[in-house]
C-alpha atoms as a PDB file:
ATOM      1  CA  UNK A   1      11.315   3.019  12.694  1.00  0.00           C
ATOM      2  CA  UNK A   2       8.633   4.124  15.178  1.00  0.00           C
ATOM      3  CA  UNK A   3       5.215   2.609  14.832  1.00  0.00           C
ATOM      4  CA  UNK A   4       1.882   2.877  16.567  1.00  0.00           C
ATOM      5  CA  UNK A   5       1.105  -0.788  16.761  1.00  0.00           C
ATOM      6  CA  UNK A   6       2.624  -4.246  16.741  1.00  0.00           C
ATOM      7  CA  UNK A   7       0.885  -6.171  13.991  1.00  0.00           C
ATOM      8  CA  UNK A   8       0.824  -9.929  14.022  1.00  0.00           C
ATOM      9  CA  UNK A   9       3.870 -11.462  12.372  1.00  0.00           C
ATOM     10  CA  UNK A  10       3.367 -12.025   8.663  1.00  0.00           C
ATOM     11  CA  UNK A  11       5.800 -14.077   6.633  1.00  0.00           C
ATOM     12  CA  UNK A  12       5.119 -12.309   3.329  1.00  0.00           C
ATOM     13  CA  UNK A  13       6.824  -9.248   1.869  1.00  0.00           C
ATOM     14  CA  UNK A  14       6.462  -5.773   3.374  1.00  0.00           C
ATOM     15  CA  UNK A  15       4.529  -3.498   1.011  1.00  0.00           C
ATOM     16  CA  UNK A  16       2.975  -0.069   0.600  1.00  0.00           C
ATOM     17  CA  UNK A  17      -0.235  -0.080  -1.462  1.00  0.00           C
ATOM     18  CA  UNK A  18      -1.352   3.148  -3.101  1.00  0.00           C
ATOM     19  CA  UNK A  19      -4.758   4.513  -2.138  1.00  0.00           C
ATOM     20  CA  UNK A  20      -6.445   3.982  -5.509  1.00  0.00           C
ATOM     21  CA  UNK A  21      -5.426   0.330  -5.616  1.00  0.00           C
ATOM     22  CA  UNK A  22      -6.546  -0.161  -2.037  1.00  0.00           C
ATOM     23  CA  UNK A  23     -10.001   1.252  -2.807  1.00  0.00           C
ATOM     24  CA  UNK A  24     -10.331  -0.703  -6.055  1.00  0.00           C
ATOM     25  CA  UNK A  25      -9.203  -3.855  -4.283  1.00  0.00           C
ATOM     26  CA  UNK A  26     -12.055  -3.532  -1.825  1.00  0.00           C
ATOM     27  CA  UNK A  27     -14.628  -3.509  -4.622  1.00  0.00           C
ATOM     28  CA  UNK A  28     -15.874  -7.001  -5.370  1.00  0.00           C
ATOM     29  CA  UNK A  29     -14.851  -8.259  -8.773  1.00  0.00           C
ATOM     30  CA  UNK A  30     -12.075  -5.727  -9.257  1.00  0.00           C
ATOM     31  CA  UNK A  31      -8.817  -6.854 -10.859  1.00  0.00           C
ATOM     32  CA  UNK A  32      -7.058  -5.720  -7.682  1.00  0.00           C
ATOM     33  CA  UNK A  33      -9.271  -7.794  -5.345  1.00  0.00           C
ATOM     34  CA  UNK A  34      -6.648 -10.598  -5.107  1.00  0.00           C
ATOM     35  CA  UNK A  35      -4.234  -8.040  -3.652  1.00  0.00           C
ATOM     36  CA  UNK A  36      -6.648  -7.271  -0.807  1.00  0.00           C
ATOM     37  CA  UNK A  37      -7.296 -10.983  -0.328  1.00  0.00           C
ATOM     38  CA  UNK A  38      -3.549 -11.540   0.004  1.00  0.00           C
ATOM     39  CA  UNK A  39      -3.374  -8.828   2.663  1.00  0.00           C
ATOM     40  CA  UNK A  40      -6.432 -10.072   4.555  1.00  0.00           C
ATOM     41  CA  UNK A  41      -4.991 -13.604   4.346  1.00  0.00           C
ATOM     42  CA  UNK A  42      -1.737 -12.291   5.846  1.00  0.00           C
ATOM     43  CA  UNK A  43       0.310 -13.240   2.799  1.00  0.00           C
ATOM     44  CA  UNK A  44       1.842  -9.756   2.793  1.00  0.00           C
ATOM     45  CA  UNK A  45       2.622  -7.176   5.439  1.00  0.00           C
ATOM     46  CA  UNK A  46       0.976  -3.797   4.860  1.00  0.00           C
ATOM     47  CA  UNK A  47       2.997  -0.735   5.837  1.00  0.00           C
ATOM     48  CA  UNK A  48       1.181   2.596   5.895  1.00  0.00           C
ATOM     49  CA  UNK A  49       1.022   5.947   7.665  1.00  0.00           C
ATOM     50  CA  UNK A  50      -1.626   8.064   9.341  1.00  0.00           C
ATOM     51  CA  UNK A  51      -1.491  10.426   6.347  1.00  0.00           C
ATOM     52  CA  UNK A  52      -2.197   7.605   3.891  1.00  0.00           C
ATOM     53  CA  UNK A  53      -4.965   6.247   6.105  1.00  0.00           C
ATOM     54  CA  UNK A  54      -6.591   9.683   6.332  1.00  0.00           C
ATOM     55  CA  UNK A  55      -6.591   9.834   2.533  1.00  0.00           C
ATOM     56  CA  UNK A  56      -8.016   6.311   2.264  1.00  0.00           C
ATOM     57  CA  UNK A  57     -10.887   6.971   4.657  1.00  0.00           C
ATOM     58  CA  UNK A  58     -11.617  10.342   3.037  1.00  0.00           C
ATOM     59  CA  UNK A  59     -11.907   8.617  -0.343  1.00  0.00           C
ATOM     60  CA  UNK A  60     -14.112   5.820   1.026  1.00  0.00           C
ATOM     61  CA  UNK A  61     -16.448   8.409   2.577  1.00  0.00           C
ATOM     62  CA  UNK A  62     -17.073  10.160  -0.757  1.00  0.00           C
ATOM     63  CA  UNK A  63     -20.672  10.056  -2.018  1.00  0.00           C
ATOM     64  CA  UNK A  64     -19.779   7.940  -5.065  1.00  0.00           C
ATOM     65  CA  UNK A  65     -18.625   5.095  -2.790  1.00  0.00           C
ATOM     66  CA  UNK A  66     -21.608   5.121  -0.416  1.00  0.00           C
ATOM     67  CA  UNK A  67     -23.368   2.440  -2.439  1.00  0.00           C
ATOM     68  CA  UNK A  68     -20.356   0.151  -2.010  1.00  0.00           C
ATOM     69  CA  UNK A  69     -19.314   0.826   1.586  1.00  0.00           C
ATOM     70  CA  UNK A  70     -21.454   1.432   4.645  1.00  0.00           C
ATOM     71  CA  UNK A  71     -20.124   3.230   7.687  1.00  0.00           C
ATOM     72  CA  UNK A  72     -19.951  -0.190   9.348  1.00  0.00           C
ATOM     73  CA  UNK A  73     -17.817  -1.512   6.456  1.00  0.00           C
ATOM     74  CA  UNK A  74     -15.427   1.417   6.801  1.00  0.00           C
ATOM     75  CA  UNK A  75     -15.259   0.988  10.577  1.00  0.00           C
ATOM     76  CA  UNK A  76     -14.518  -2.734  10.175  1.00  0.00           C
ATOM     77  CA  UNK A  77     -11.786  -1.966   7.636  1.00  0.00           C
ATOM     78  CA  UNK A  78     -10.308   0.632   9.976  1.00  0.00           C
ATOM     79  CA  UNK A  79     -10.149  -1.898  12.802  1.00  0.00           C
ATOM     80  CA  UNK A  80      -8.530  -4.475  10.525  1.00  0.00           C
ATOM     81  CA  UNK A  81      -5.915  -2.002   9.316  1.00  0.00           C
ATOM     82  CA  UNK A  82      -5.032  -0.870  12.828  1.00  0.00           C
ATOM     83  CA  UNK A  83      -4.828  -4.511  13.927  1.00  0.00           C
ATOM     84  CA  UNK A  84      -2.786  -5.845  11.015  1.00  0.00           C
ATOM     85  CA  UNK A  85      -0.875  -3.018   9.367  1.00  0.00           C
ATOM     86  CA  UNK A  86       2.323  -1.445  10.532  1.00  0.00           C
ATOM     87  CA  UNK A  87       1.723   2.271  10.856  1.00  0.00           C
ATOM     88  CA  UNK A  88       4.899   4.276  10.559  1.00  0.00           C
ATOM     89  CA  UNK A  89       5.732   7.950  10.827  1.00  0.00           C
ATOM     90  CA  UNK A  90       8.073   9.011   8.015  1.00  0.00           C
ATOM     91  CA  UNK A  91      10.648  11.586   9.011  1.00  0.00           C
ATOM     92  CA  UNK A  92      12.414  11.884   5.664  1.00  0.00           C
ATOM     93  CA  UNK A  93      10.707  14.071   3.074  1.00  0.00           C
ATOM     94  CA  UNK A  94      11.327  13.640  -0.643  1.00  0.00           C
ATOM     95  CA  UNK A  95      10.342  15.687  -3.678  1.00  0.00           C
ATOM     96  CA  UNK A  96      10.951  13.248  -6.511  1.00  0.00           C
ATOM     97  CA  UNK A  97       7.588  12.656  -8.182  1.00  0.00           C
ATOM     98  CA  UNK A  98       6.079  14.615 -11.041  1.00  0.00           C
ATOM     99  CA  UNK A  99       2.927  14.824  -8.904  1.00  0.00           C
ATOM    100  CA  UNK A 100       3.975  15.996  -5.419  1.00  0.00           C
ATOM    101  CA  UNK A 101       0.995  14.121  -3.929  1.00  0.00           C
ATOM    102  CA  UNK A 102       2.781  10.860  -4.787  1.00  0.00           C
ATOM    103  CA  UNK A 103       5.870  11.674  -2.709  1.00  0.00           C
ATOM    104  CA  UNK A 104       4.177  10.421   0.481  1.00  0.00           C
ATOM    105  CA  UNK A 105       4.093   6.882  -0.932  1.00  0.00           C
ATOM    106  CA  UNK A 106       7.859   7.002  -1.442  1.00  0.00           C
ATOM    107  CA  UNK A 107       8.355   8.451   2.041  1.00  0.00           C
ATOM    108  CA  UNK A 108       6.346   5.646   3.650  1.00  0.00           C
ATOM    109  CA  UNK A 109       8.115   3.003   1.558  1.00  0.00           C
ATOM    110  CA  UNK A 110      11.514   4.400   2.553  1.00  0.00           C
ATOM    111  CA  UNK A 111      10.700   4.742   6.260  1.00  0.00           C
ATOM    112  CA  UNK A 112       8.972   1.378   6.352  1.00  0.00           C
ATOM    113  CA  UNK A 113      11.860  -0.400   4.636  1.00  0.00           C
ATOM    114  CA  UNK A 114       9.459  -2.225   2.355  1.00  0.00           C
ATOM    115  CA  UNK A 115      10.243  -4.567  -0.504  1.00  0.00           C
ATOM    116  CA  UNK A 116       7.523  -3.216  -2.823  1.00  0.00           C
ATOM    117  CA  UNK A 117       5.513  -0.087  -3.485  1.00  0.00           C
ATOM    118  CA  UNK A 118       2.462  -1.417  -5.323  1.00  0.00           C
ATOM    119  CA  UNK A 119       0.810   1.209  -7.491  1.00  0.00           C
ATOM    120  CA  UNK A 120      -1.434   1.717 -10.456  1.00  0.00           C
ATOM    121  CA  UNK A 121      -0.001   5.198 -11.003  1.00  0.00           C
ATOM    122  CA  UNK A 122       1.600   5.301 -14.446  1.00  0.00           C
ATOM    123  CA  UNK A 123       3.747   8.287 -13.424  1.00  0.00           C
ATOM    124  CA  UNK A 124       5.475   6.124 -10.829  1.00  0.00           C
ATOM    125  CA  UNK A 125       5.535   2.870 -12.799  1.00  0.00           C
ATOM    126  CA  UNK A 126       6.880   4.488 -15.985  1.00  0.00           C
ATOM    127  CA  UNK A 127       9.590   6.621 -14.351  1.00  0.00           C
ATOM    128  CA  UNK A 128      12.615   4.390 -14.886  1.00  0.00           C
ATOM    129  CA  UNK A 129      15.024   6.826 -13.216  1.00  0.00           C
ATOM    130  CA  UNK A 130      12.845   7.008 -10.097  1.00  0.00           C
ATOM    131  CA  UNK A 131      12.401   3.232 -10.016  1.00  0.00           C
ATOM    132  CA  UNK A 132      16.165   2.705 -10.302  1.00  0.00           C
ATOM    133  CA  UNK A 133      16.882   5.264  -7.561  1.00  0.00           C
ATOM    134  CA  UNK A 134      14.380   3.645  -5.168  1.00  0.00           C
ATOM    135  CA  UNK A 135      15.784   0.194  -5.866  1.00  0.00           C
ATOM    136  CA  UNK A 136      19.456   1.164  -5.561  1.00  0.00           C
ATOM    137  CA  UNK A 137      19.225   3.613  -2.659  1.00  0.00           C
ATOM    138  CA  UNK A 138      16.345   2.176  -0.652  1.00  0.00           C
ATOM    139  CA  UNK A 139      15.965  -1.427  -1.777  1.00  0.00           C
ATOM    140  CA  UNK A 140      12.357  -1.462  -2.942  1.00  0.00           C
ATOM    141  CA  UNK A 141      10.650  -1.997  -6.274  1.00  0.00           C
ATOM    142  CA  UNK A 142       7.815   0.106  -7.691  1.00  0.00           C
ATOM    143  CA  UNK A 143       5.464  -2.332  -9.413  1.00  0.00           C
ATOM    144  CA  UNK A 144       1.863  -2.878 -10.460  1.00  0.00           C
ATOM    145  CA  UNK A 145      -0.599  -5.417  -9.107  1.00  0.00           C
ATOM    146  CA  UNK A 146      -0.128  -8.126 -11.781  1.00  0.00           C
ATOM    147  CA  UNK A 147       3.653  -8.065 -11.330  1.00  0.00           C
ATOM    148  CA  UNK A 148       3.347  -8.184  -7.555  1.00  0.00           C
ATOM    149  CA  UNK A 149       0.854 -11.061  -7.545  1.00  0.00           C
ATOM    150  CA  UNK A 150       3.145 -13.024  -9.875  1.00  0.00           C
ATOM    151  CA  UNK A 151       6.121 -12.371  -7.559  1.00  0.00           C
ATOM    152  CA  UNK A 152       4.064 -13.280  -4.499  1.00  0.00           C
ATOM    153  CA  UNK A 153       3.121 -16.580  -6.109  1.00  0.00           C
ATOM    154  CA  UNK A 154       6.787 -17.276  -6.875  1.00  0.00           C
ATOM    155  CA  UNK A 155       7.844 -16.404  -3.310  1.00  0.00           C
ATOM    156  CA  UNK A 156       5.200 -18.682  -1.851  1.00  0.00           C
ATOM    157  CA  UNK A 157       6.234 -21.540  -4.148  1.00  0.00           C
ATOM    158  CA  UNK A 158       9.835 -21.441  -2.888  1.00  0.00           C
END
């Protein structure tokens, strides 16, 4: 599993977070903000790829987000991600999602050997066959933010 950095050791679960949740989590007051707080507090280990990061920074640079994020904010986030996240380079390609743009999240989750793919995408969350395949063949769950935060709380209580 090649990576570009050696993030600090985190005791929490390894996760992939979809781009929309990541952006929403950065907005103050969003329902997904606790997810970003858990990552920033090193309660989970973020696994991502250069492709996902390119998408994230492209989204954050869009005009509609300029009132929320300055260039300095985006630069600071970039530094934090490169310091704390594990950046992997998936070599296995899949074509399993109804929306082919979602396949990259599965590829990163597979290559990164994560425990959870956290998403707000109903296509992924509602596809029981896909969820079963990912769990059985690759050992990770596809779940939403509320479910993940509940699980994280249970893991931390043990």
